[in-house]
Amino acid sequence: DLGIALVARWEEGRSTVVSWEGGSAHVDKMVLSVCPGPGDH
């Protein structure tokens, strides 16, 4: 519906930190990215 895809890669020792006004989120052992979807990635 939104035309967006979330891609996750599990890597030891890596993490993803996303911040916004008022807080932040820490996702351990995962590398996150977004791309248009659906499609071939």
PDB file of all heavy atoms in Angstrom:
ATOM      1  N   ASP A   1       0.828  -1.212   0.000  1.00  0.00           N
ATOM      2  CA  ASP A   1       0.000   0.000   0.000  1.00  0.00           C
ATOM      3  C   ASP A   1       0.861   1.261   0.000  1.00  0.00           C
ATOM      4  O   ASP A   1       0.561   2.237  -0.701  1.00  0.00           O
ATOM      5  CB  ASP A   1      -0.914   0.007   1.222  1.00  0.00           C
ATOM      6  CG  ASP A   1      -1.952  -1.099   1.151  1.00  0.00           C
ATOM      7  OD1 ASP A   1      -2.274  -1.522   0.016  1.00  0.00           O
ATOM      8  OD2 ASP A   1      -2.428  -1.546   2.208  1.00  0.00           O
ATOM      9  N   LEU A   2       1.915   1.252   0.801  1.00  0.00           N
ATOM     10  CA  LEU A   2       2.771   2.427   0.886  1.00  0.00           C
ATOM     11  C   LEU A   2       3.891   2.421  -0.136  1.00  0.00           C
ATOM     12  O   LEU A   2       4.531   3.448  -0.369  1.00  0.00           O
ATOM     13  CB  LEU A   2       3.375   2.530   2.292  1.00  0.00           C
ATOM     14  CG  LEU A   2       2.384   2.737   3.442  1.00  0.00           C
ATOM     15  CD1 LEU A   2       3.104   2.776   4.768  1.00  0.00           C
ATOM     16  CD2 LEU A   2       1.597   4.029   3.241  1.00  0.00           C
ATOM     17  N   GLY A   3       4.179   1.248  -0.728  1.00  0.00           N
ATOM     18  CA  GLY A   3       5.241   1.169  -1.719  1.00  0.00           C
ATOM     19  C   GLY A   3       6.620   1.340  -1.128  1.00  0.00           C
ATOM     20  O   GLY A   3       7.463   2.035  -1.710  1.00  0.00           O
ATOM     21  N   ILE A   4       6.875   0.708   0.011  1.00  0.00           N
ATOM     22  CA  ILE A   4       8.172   0.826   0.673  1.00  0.00           C
ATOM     23  C   ILE A   4       8.555  -0.536   1.216  1.00  0.00           C
ATOM     24  O   ILE A   4       7.692  -1.333   1.615  1.00  0.00           O
ATOM     25  CB  ILE A   4       8.122   1.868   1.813  1.00  0.00           C
ATOM     26  CG1 ILE A   4       9.513   2.073   2.401  1.00  0.00           C
ATOM     27  CG2 ILE A   4       7.133   1.476   2.877  1.00  0.00           C
ATOM     28  CD1 ILE A   4       9.583   3.193   3.405  1.00  0.00           C
ATOM     29  N   ALA A   5       9.831  -0.844   1.201  1.00  0.00           N
ATOM     30  CA  ALA A   5      10.343  -2.122   1.693  1.00  0.00           C
ATOM     31  C   ALA A   5      11.422  -1.867   2.732  1.00  0.00           C
ATOM     32  O   ALA A   5      12.219  -0.930   2.605  1.00  0.00           O
ATOM     33  CB  ALA A   5      10.917  -2.949   0.542  1.00  0.00           C
ATOM     34  N   LEU A   6      11.420  -2.686   3.766  1.00  0.00           N
ATOM     35  CA  LEU A   6      12.432  -2.628   4.815  1.00  0.00           C
ATOM     36  C   LEU A   6      13.332  -3.847   4.669  1.00  0.00           C
ATOM     37  O   LEU A   6      12.858  -4.989   4.669  1.00  0.00           O
ATOM     38  CB  LEU A   6      11.777  -2.622   6.197  1.00  0.00           C
ATOM     39  CG  LEU A   6      12.737  -2.600   7.392  1.00  0.00           C
ATOM     40  CD1 LEU A   6      13.549  -1.312   7.404  1.00  0.00           C
ATOM     41  CD2 LEU A   6      11.968  -2.759   8.699  1.00  0.00           C
ATOM     42  N   VAL A   7      14.634  -3.631   4.528  1.00  0.00           N
ATOM     43  CA  VAL A   7      15.624  -4.695   4.331  1.00  0.00           C
ATOM     44  C   VAL A   7      16.495  -4.765   5.575  1.00  0.00           C
ATOM     45  O   VAL A   7      16.996  -3.735   6.051  1.00  0.00           O
ATOM     46  CB  VAL A   7      16.493  -4.434   3.083  1.00  0.00           C
ATOM     47  CG1 VAL A   7      17.482  -5.570   2.864  1.00  0.00           C
ATOM     48  CG2 VAL A   7      15.608  -4.250   1.852  1.00  0.00           C
ATOM     49  N   ALA A   8      16.658  -5.974   6.123  1.00  0.00           N
ATOM     50  CA  ALA A   8      17.453  -6.181   7.339  1.00  0.00           C
ATOM     51  C   ALA A   8      18.551  -7.193   7.072  1.00  0.00           C
ATOM     52  O   ALA A   8      18.311  -8.240   6.458  1.00  0.00           O
ATOM     53  CB  ALA A   8      16.559  -6.651   8.476  1.00  0.00           C
ATOM     54  N   ARG A   9      19.766  -6.911   7.553  1.00  0.00           N
ATOM     55  CA  ARG A   9      20.900  -7.840   7.477  1.00  0.00           C
ATOM     56  C   ARG A   9      21.413  -8.064   8.895  1.00  0.00           C
ATOM     57  O   ARG A   9      21.664  -7.109   9.634  1.00  0.00           O
ATOM     58  CB  ARG A   9      22.024  -7.269   6.608  1.00  0.00           C
ATOM     59  CG  ARG A   9      21.642  -7.004   5.175  1.00  0.00           C
ATOM     60  CD  ARG A   9      22.882  -6.743   4.321  1.00  0.00           C
ATOM     61  NE  ARG A   9      23.762  -5.733   4.897  1.00  0.00           N
ATOM     62  CZ  ARG A   9      23.621  -4.428   4.697  1.00  0.00           C
ATOM     63  NH1 ARG A   9      22.614  -3.988   3.960  1.00  0.00           N
ATOM     64  NH2 ARG A   9      24.449  -3.582   5.235  1.00  0.00           N
ATOM     65  N   TRP A  10      21.514  -9.359   9.274  1.00  0.00           N
ATOM     66  CA  TRP A  10      22.018  -9.697  10.616  1.00  0.00           C
ATOM     67  C   TRP A  10      23.540  -9.780  10.551  1.00  0.00           C
ATOM     68  O   TRP A  10      24.110 -10.610   9.821  1.00  0.00           O
ATOM     69  CB  TRP A  10      21.440 -11.031  11.071  1.00  0.00           C
ATOM     70  CG  TRP A  10      20.094 -10.889  11.720  1.00  0.00           C
ATOM     71  CD1 TRP A  10      19.836 -10.824  13.022  1.00  0.00           C
ATOM     72  CD2 TRP A  10      18.829 -10.796  11.060  1.00  0.00           C
ATOM     73  NE1 TRP A  10      18.488 -10.692  13.264  1.00  0.00           N
ATOM     74  CE2 TRP A  10      17.830 -10.674  12.060  1.00  0.00           C
ATOM     75  CE3 TRP A  10      18.407 -10.794   9.724  1.00  0.00           C
ATOM     76  CZ2 TRP A  10      16.490 -10.573  11.775  1.00  0.00           C
ATOM     77  CZ3 TRP A  10      17.065 -10.673   9.440  1.00  0.00           C
ATOM     78  CH2 TRP A  10      16.112 -10.565  10.450  1.00  0.00           C
ATOM     79  N   GLU A  11      24.215  -8.912  11.280  1.00  0.00           N
ATOM     80  CA  GLU A  11      25.673  -8.902  11.318  1.00  0.00           C
ATOM     81  C   GLU A  11      26.121  -8.737  12.758  1.00  0.00           C
ATOM     82  O   GLU A  11      25.674  -7.818  13.453  1.00  0.00           O
ATOM     83  CB  GLU A  11      26.239  -7.767  10.457  1.00  0.00           C
ATOM     84  CG  GLU A  11      25.912  -7.886   8.974  1.00  0.00           C
ATOM     85  CD  GLU A  11      26.568  -6.785   8.159  1.00  0.00           C
ATOM     86  OE1 GLU A  11      27.508  -6.162   8.701  1.00  0.00           O
ATOM     87  OE2 GLU A  11      26.160  -6.564   7.006  1.00  0.00           O
ATOM     88  N   GLU A  12      26.980  -9.601  13.198  1.00  0.00           N
ATOM     89  CA  GLU A  12      27.491  -9.543  14.564  1.00  0.00           C
ATOM     90  C   GLU A  12      28.359  -8.286  14.734  1.00  0.00           C
ATOM     91  O   GLU A  12      29.219  -7.989  13.888  1.00  0.00           O
ATOM     92  CB  GLU A  12      28.305 -10.803  14.867  1.00  0.00           C
ATOM     93  CG  GLU A  12      28.601 -11.012  16.344  1.00  0.00           C
ATOM     94  CD  GLU A  12      27.343 -11.353  17.118  1.00  0.00           C
ATOM     95  OE1 GLU A  12      26.418 -11.945  16.512  1.00  0.00           O
ATOM     96  OE2 GLU A  12      27.291 -11.031  18.317  1.00  0.00           O
ATOM     97  N   GLY A  13      28.119  -7.590  15.824  1.00  0.00           N
ATOM     98  CA  GLY A  13      28.906  -6.388  16.095  1.00  0.00           C
ATOM     99  C   GLY A  13      28.380  -5.132  15.429  1.00  0.00           C
ATOM    100  O   GLY A  13      28.916  -4.054  15.650  1.00  0.00           O
ATOM    101  N   ARG A  14      27.351  -5.260  14.590  1.00  0.00           N
ATOM    102  CA  ARG A  14      26.756  -4.089  13.940  1.00  0.00           C
ATOM    103  C   ARG A  14      25.420  -3.749  14.596  1.00  0.00           C
ATOM    104  O   ARG A  14      24.808  -4.596  15.254  1.00  0.00           O
ATOM    105  CB  ARG A  14      26.526  -4.353  12.443  1.00  0.00           C
ATOM    106  CG  ARG A  14      27.794  -4.546  11.634  1.00  0.00           C
ATOM    107  CD  ARG A  14      28.519  -3.220  11.460  1.00  0.00           C
ATOM    108  NE  ARG A  14      27.702  -2.245  10.777  1.00  0.00           N
ATOM    109  CZ  ARG A  14      27.562  -2.152   9.451  1.00  0.00           C
ATOM    110  NH1 ARG A  14      28.222  -2.988   8.664  1.00  0.00           N
ATOM    111  NH2 ARG A  14      26.801  -1.218   8.913  1.00  0.00           N
ATOM    112  N   SER A  15      24.961  -2.553  14.419  1.00  0.00           N
ATOM    113  CA  SER A  15      23.662  -2.131  14.945  1.00  0.00           C
ATOM    114  C   SER A  15      23.179  -0.954  14.115  1.00  0.00           C
ATOM    115  O   SER A  15      23.921  -0.375  13.314  1.00  0.00           O
ATOM    116  CB  SER A  15      23.766  -1.730  16.420  1.00  0.00           C
ATOM    117  OG  SER A  15      24.637  -0.628  16.568  1.00  0.00           O
ATOM    118  N   THR A  16      21.913  -0.625  14.321  1.00  0.00           N
ATOM    119  CA  THR A  16      21.285   0.504  13.626  1.00  0.00           C
ATOM    120  C   THR A  16      20.689   1.435  14.673  1.00  0.00           C
ATOM    121  O   THR A  16      19.924   1.002  15.530  1.00  0.00           O
ATOM    122  CB  THR A  16      20.182   0.032  12.668  1.00  0.00           C
ATOM    123  OG1 THR A  16      20.747  -0.840  11.700  1.00  0.00           O
ATOM    124  CG2 THR A  16      19.533   1.232  11.965  1.00  0.00           C
ATOM    125  N   VAL A  17      21.053   2.700  14.595  1.00  0.00           N
ATOM    126  CA  VAL A  17      20.538   3.716  15.512  1.00  0.00           C
ATOM    127  C   VAL A  17      19.783   4.755  14.691  1.00  0.00           C
ATOM    128  O   VAL A  17      20.356   5.376  13.792  1.00  0.00           O
ATOM    129  CB  VAL A  17      21.665   4.391  16.314  1.00  0.00           C
ATOM    130  CG1 VAL A  17      21.078   5.474  17.236  1.00  0.00           C
ATOM    131  CG2 VAL A  17      22.434   3.363  17.129  1.00  0.00           C
ATOM    132  N   VAL A  18      18.506   4.922  15.000  1.00  0.00           N
ATOM    133  CA  VAL A  18      17.648   5.892  14.334  1.00  0.00           C
ATOM    134  C   VAL A  18      17.161   6.874  15.397  1.00  0.00           C
ATOM    135  O   VAL A  18      16.622   6.451  16.427  1.00  0.00           O
ATOM    136  CB  VAL A  18      16.453   5.213  13.631  1.00  0.00           C
ATOM    137  CG1 VAL A  18      15.595   6.262  12.931  1.00  0.00           C
ATOM    138  CG2 VAL A  18      16.931   4.167  12.648  1.00  0.00           C
ATOM    139  N   SER A  19      17.319   8.141  15.174  1.00  0.00           N
ATOM    140  CA  SER A  19      16.905   9.147  16.151  1.00  0.00           C
ATOM    141  C   SER A  19      15.857  10.061  15.541  1.00  0.00           C
ATOM    142  O   SER A  19      15.762  10.215  14.321  1.00  0.00           O
ATOM    143  CB  SER A  19      18.116   9.972  16.621  1.00  0.00           C
ATOM    144  OG  SER A  19      18.721  10.630  15.523  1.00  0.00           O
ATOM    145  N   TRP A  20      15.079  10.665  16.413  1.00  0.00           N
ATOM    146  CA  TRP A  20      14.081  11.650  16.031  1.00  0.00           C
ATOM    147  C   TRP A  20      13.959  12.647  17.166  1.00  0.00           C
ATOM    148  O   TRP A  20      14.546  12.447  18.227  1.00  0.00           O
ATOM    149  CB  TRP A  20      12.734  10.977  15.727  1.00  0.00           C
ATOM    150  CG  TRP A  20      12.124  10.306  16.921  1.00  0.00           C
ATOM    151  CD1 TRP A  20      11.224  10.810  17.786  1.00  0.00           C
ATOM    152  CD2 TRP A  20      12.415   8.977  17.400  1.00  0.00           C
ATOM    153  NE1 TRP A  20      10.911   9.916  18.765  1.00  0.00           N
ATOM    154  CE2 TRP A  20      11.627   8.766  18.546  1.00  0.00           C
ATOM    155  CE3 TRP A  20      13.241   7.941  16.983  1.00  0.00           C
ATOM    156  CZ2 TRP A  20      11.660   7.586  19.271  1.00  0.00           C
ATOM    157  CZ3 TRP A  20      13.261   6.764  17.702  1.00  0.00           C
ATOM    158  CH2 TRP A  20      12.482   6.586  18.816  1.00  0.00           C
ATOM    159  N   GLU A  21      13.221  13.673  16.937  1.00  0.00           N
ATOM    160  CA  GLU A  21      13.054  14.697  17.972  1.00  0.00           C
ATOM    161  C   GLU A  21      12.304  14.099  19.153  1.00  0.00           C
ATOM    162  O   GLU A  21      11.144  13.764  19.062  1.00  0.00           O
ATOM    163  CB  GLU A  21      12.281  15.896  17.423  1.00  0.00           C
ATOM    164  CG  GLU A  21      12.161  17.029  18.435  1.00  0.00           C
ATOM    165  CD  GLU A  21      11.398  18.219  17.886  1.00  0.00           C
ATOM    166  OE1 GLU A  21      11.012  18.151  16.706  1.00  0.00           O
ATOM    167  OE2 GLU A  21      11.202  19.189  18.628  1.00  0.00           O
ATOM    168  N   GLY A  22      12.987  13.960  20.269  1.00  0.00           N
ATOM    169  CA  GLY A  22      12.363  13.414  21.448  1.00  0.00           C
ATOM    170  C   GLY A  22      12.818  12.022  21.817  1.00  0.00           C
ATOM    171  O   GLY A  22      12.402  11.496  22.846  1.00  0.00           O
ATOM    172  N   GLY A  23      13.688  11.370  21.030  1.00  0.00           N
ATOM    173  CA  GLY A  23      14.138  10.030  21.391  1.00  0.00           C
ATOM    174  C   GLY A  23      14.949   9.391  20.283  1.00  0.00           C
ATOM    175  O   GLY A  23      15.237   9.996  19.245  1.00  0.00           O
ATOM    176  N   SER A  24      15.329   8.130  20.521  1.00  0.00           N
ATOM    177  CA  SER A  24      16.102   7.374  19.539  1.00  0.00           C
ATOM    178  C   SER A  24      15.834   5.894  19.758  1.00  0.00           C
ATOM    179  O   SER A  24      15.393   5.466  20.825  1.00  0.00           O
ATOM    180  CB  SER A  24      17.599   7.677  19.672  1.00  0.00           C
ATOM    181  OG  SER A  24      18.066   7.289  20.952  1.00  0.00           O
ATOM    182  N   ALA A  25      16.066   5.089  18.708  1.00  0.00           N
ATOM    183  CA  ALA A  25      15.871   3.639  18.761  1.00  0.00           C
ATOM    184  C   ALA A  25      17.173   2.953  18.378  1.00  0.00           C
ATOM    185  O   ALA A  25      17.850   3.365  17.428  1.00  0.00           O
ATOM    186  CB  ALA A  25      14.738   3.215  17.832  1.00  0.00           C
ATOM    187  N   HIS A  26      17.554   1.915  19.128  1.00  0.00           N
ATOM    188  CA  HIS A  26      18.785   1.166  18.911  1.00  0.00           C
ATOM    189  C   HIS A  26      18.420  -0.285  18.605  1.00  0.00           C
ATOM    190  O   HIS A  26      17.864  -0.982  19.456  1.00  0.00           O
ATOM    191  CB  HIS A  26      19.677   1.240  20.154  1.00  0.00           C
ATOM    192  CG  HIS A  26      21.014   0.584  19.959  1.00  0.00           C
ATOM    193  ND1 HIS A  26      22.169   1.300  19.702  1.00  0.00           N
ATOM    194  CD2 HIS A  26      21.379  -0.717  19.967  1.00  0.00           C
ATOM    195  CE1 HIS A  26      23.182   0.453  19.586  1.00  0.00           C
ATOM    196  NE2 HIS A  26      22.719  -0.771  19.738  1.00  0.00           N
ATOM    197  N   VAL A  27      18.684  -0.724  17.403  1.00  0.00           N
ATOM    198  CA  VAL A  27      18.394  -2.107  16.975  1.00  0.00           C
ATOM    199  C   VAL A  27      19.727  -2.847  16.908  1.00  0.00           C
ATOM    200  O   VAL A  27      20.564  -2.568  16.043  1.00  0.00           O
ATOM    201  CB  VAL A  27      17.673  -2.127  15.617  1.00  0.00           C
ATOM    202  CG1 VAL A  27      17.271  -3.554  15.262  1.00  0.00           C
ATOM    203  CG2 VAL A  27      16.453  -1.233  15.655  1.00  0.00           C
ATOM    204  N   ASP A  28      19.936  -3.797  17.822  1.00  0.00           N
ATOM    205  CA  ASP A  28      21.216  -4.468  17.953  1.00  0.00           C
ATOM    206  C   ASP A  28      21.343  -5.597  16.927  1.00  0.00           C
ATOM    207  O   ASP A  28      20.368  -6.296  16.596  1.00  0.00           O
ATOM    208  CB  ASP A  28      21.359  -5.029  19.371  1.00  0.00           C
ATOM    209  CG  ASP A  28      22.783  -5.428  19.684  1.00  0.00           C
ATOM    210  OD1 ASP A  28      23.697  -4.906  19.016  1.00  0.00           O
ATOM    211  OD2 ASP A  28      22.985  -6.245  20.600  1.00  0.00           O
ATOM    212  N   LYS A  29      22.561  -5.773  16.417  1.00  0.00           N
ATOM    213  CA  LYS A  29      22.925  -6.870  15.508  1.00  0.00           C
ATOM    214  C   LYS A  29      22.137  -6.855  14.213  1.00  0.00           C
ATOM    215  O   LYS A  29      22.002  -7.875  13.548  1.00  0.00           O
ATOM    216  CB  LYS A  29      22.744  -8.224  16.203  1.00  0.00           C
ATOM    217  CG  LYS A  29      23.608  -8.414  17.431  1.00  0.00           C
ATOM    218  CD  LYS A  29      23.383  -9.776  18.060  1.00  0.00           C
ATOM    219  CE  LYS A  29      24.225  -9.957  19.325  1.00  0.00           C
ATOM    220  NZ  LYS A  29      23.998 -11.266  19.946  1.00  0.00           N
ATOM    221  N   MET A  30      21.611  -5.724  13.797  1.00  0.00           N
ATOM    222  CA  MET A  30      20.864  -5.624  12.549  1.00  0.00           C
ATOM    223  C   MET A  30      21.249  -4.341  11.832  1.00  0.00           C
ATOM    224  O   MET A  30      21.410  -3.291  12.459  1.00  0.00           O
ATOM    225  CB  MET A  30      19.351  -5.637  12.799  1.00  0.00           C
ATOM    226  CG  MET A  30      18.805  -6.940  13.352  1.00  0.00           C
ATOM    227  SD  MET A  30      17.023  -6.856  13.643  1.00  0.00           S
ATOM    228  CE  MET A  30      16.451  -6.621  11.958  1.00  0.00           C
ATOM    229  N   VAL A  31      21.384  -4.433  10.523  1.00  0.00           N
ATOM    230  CA  VAL A  31      21.639  -3.279   9.667  1.00  0.00           C
ATOM    231  C   VAL A  31      20.389  -3.077   8.819  1.00  0.00           C
ATOM    232  O   VAL A  31      20.021  -3.940   8.022  1.00  0.00           O
ATOM    233  CB  VAL A  31      22.876  -3.480   8.778  1.00  0.00           C
ATOM    234  CG1 VAL A  31      23.085  -2.255   7.896  1.00  0.00           C
ATOM    235  CG2 VAL A  31      24.098  -3.735   9.639  1.00  0.00           C
ATOM    236  N   LEU A  32      19.713  -1.967   9.009  1.00  0.00           N
ATOM    237  CA  LEU A  32      18.429  -1.718   8.365  1.00  0.00           C
ATOM    238  C   LEU A  32      18.581  -0.682   7.264  1.00  0.00           C
ATOM    239  O   LEU A  32      19.354   0.274   7.382  1.00  0.00           O
ATOM    240  CB  LEU A  32      17.405  -1.223   9.383  1.00  0.00           C
ATOM    241  CG  LEU A  32      17.094  -2.146  10.555  1.00  0.00           C
ATOM    242  CD1 LEU A  32      16.128  -1.472  11.510  1.00  0.00           C
ATOM    243  CD2 LEU A  32      16.525  -3.461  10.058  1.00  0.00           C
ATOM    244  N   SER A  33      17.796  -0.890   6.194  1.00  0.00           N
ATOM    245  CA  SER A  33      17.724   0.076   5.110  1.00  0.00           C
ATOM    246  C   SER A  33      16.344  -0.012   4.492  1.00  0.00           C
ATOM    247  O   SER A  33      15.627  -0.999   4.671  1.00  0.00           O
ATOM    248  CB  SER A  33      18.804  -0.199   4.049  1.00  0.00           C
ATOM    249  OG  SER A  33      18.630  -1.497   3.491  1.00  0.00           O
ATOM    250  N   VAL A  34      15.965   1.037   3.777  1.00  0.00           N
ATOM    251  CA  VAL A  34      14.673   1.066   3.098  1.00  0.00           C
ATOM    252  C   VAL A  34      14.896   1.328   1.628  1.00  0.00           C
ATOM    253  O   VAL A  34      15.887   1.945   1.220  1.00  0.00           O
ATOM    254  CB  VAL A  34      13.751   2.156   3.698  1.00  0.00           C
ATOM    255  CG1 VAL A  34      13.355   1.808   5.108  1.00  0.00           C
ATOM    256  CG2 VAL A  34      14.413   3.514   3.646  1.00  0.00           C
ATOM    257  N   CYS A  35      13.943   0.821   0.813  1.00  0.00           N
ATOM    258  CA  CYS A  35      13.995   1.021  -0.622  1.00  0.00           C
ATOM    259  C   CYS A  35      12.583   0.938  -1.171  1.00  0.00           C
ATOM    260  O   CYS A  35      11.677   0.458  -0.498  1.00  0.00           O
ATOM    261  CB  CYS A  35      14.897  -0.020  -1.288  1.00  0.00           C
ATOM    262  SG  CYS A  35      14.384  -1.710  -0.943  1.00  0.00           S
ATOM    263  N   PRO A  36      12.371   1.419  -2.378  1.00  0.00           N
ATOM    264  CA  PRO A  36      11.026   1.317  -2.954  1.00  0.00           C
ATOM    265  C   PRO A  36      10.631  -0.142  -3.140  1.00  0.00           C
ATOM    266  O   PRO A  36      11.459  -1.006  -3.416  1.00  0.00           O
ATOM    267  CB  PRO A  36      11.138   2.053  -4.284  1.00  0.00           C
ATOM    268  CG  PRO A  36      12.352   2.914  -4.144  1.00  0.00           C
ATOM    269  CD  PRO A  36      13.287   2.178  -3.248  1.00  0.00           C
ATOM    270  N   GLY A  37       9.358  -0.435  -2.941  1.00  0.00           N
ATOM    271  CA  GLY A  37       8.877  -1.801  -3.107  1.00  0.00           C
ATOM    272  C   GLY A  37       7.487  -1.779  -3.696  1.00  0.00           C
ATOM    273  O   GLY A  37       6.786  -0.772  -3.709  1.00  0.00           O
ATOM    274  N   PRO A  38       7.009  -2.958  -4.210  1.00  0.00           N
ATOM    275  CA  PRO A  38       7.784  -4.189  -4.368  1.00  0.00           C
ATOM    276  C   PRO A  38       8.712  -4.119  -5.590  1.00  0.00           C
ATOM    277  O   PRO A  38       8.541  -3.281  -6.441  1.00  0.00           O
ATOM    278  CB  PRO A  38       6.696  -5.244  -4.562  1.00  0.00           C
ATOM    279  CG  PRO A  38       5.584  -4.489  -5.222  1.00  0.00           C
ATOM    280  CD  PRO A  38       5.602  -3.111  -4.637  1.00  0.00           C
ATOM    281  N   GLY A  39       9.711  -5.025  -5.644  1.00  0.00           N
ATOM    282  CA  GLY A  39      10.656  -5.065  -6.747  1.00  0.00           C
ATOM    283  C   GLY A  39      11.787  -6.011  -6.452  1.00  0.00           C
ATOM    284  O   GLY A  39      11.809  -6.687  -5.427  1.00  0.00           O
ATOM    285  N   ASP A  40      12.793  -6.050  -7.307  1.00  0.00           N
ATOM    286  CA  ASP A  40      13.935  -6.932  -7.141  1.00  0.00           C
ATOM    287  C   ASP A  40      15.036  -6.198  -6.399  1.00  0.00           C
ATOM    288  O   ASP A  40      15.449  -5.116  -6.798  1.00  0.00           O
ATOM    289  CB  ASP A  40      14.438  -7.374  -8.513  1.00  0.00           C
ATOM    290  CG  ASP A  40      15.563  -8.378  -8.386  1.00  0.00           C
ATOM    291  OD1 ASP A  40      15.703  -8.941  -7.291  1.00  0.00           O
ATOM    292  OD2 ASP A  40      16.278  -8.579  -9.364  1.00  0.00           O
ATOM    293  N   HIS A  41      15.499  -6.761  -5.290  1.00  0.00           N
ATOM    294  CA  HIS A  41      16.535  -6.114  -4.465  1.00  0.00           C
ATOM    295  C   HIS A  41      17.684  -7.103  -4.288  1.00  0.00           C
ATOM    296  O   HIS A  41      17.607  -8.023  -3.487  1.00  0.00           O
ATOM    297  CB  HIS A  41      15.966  -5.704  -3.096  1.00  0.00           C
ATOM    298  CG  HIS A  41      14.778  -4.799  -3.216  1.00  0.00           C
ATOM    299  ND1 HIS A  41      14.878  -3.459  -3.466  1.00  0.00           N
ATOM    300  CD2 HIS A  41      13.447  -5.079  -3.149  1.00  0.00           C
ATOM    301  CE1 HIS A  41      13.668  -2.915  -3.520  1.00  0.00           C
ATOM    302  NE2 HIS A  41      12.789  -3.896  -3.340  1.00  0.00           N
TER     303      HIS A  41
END
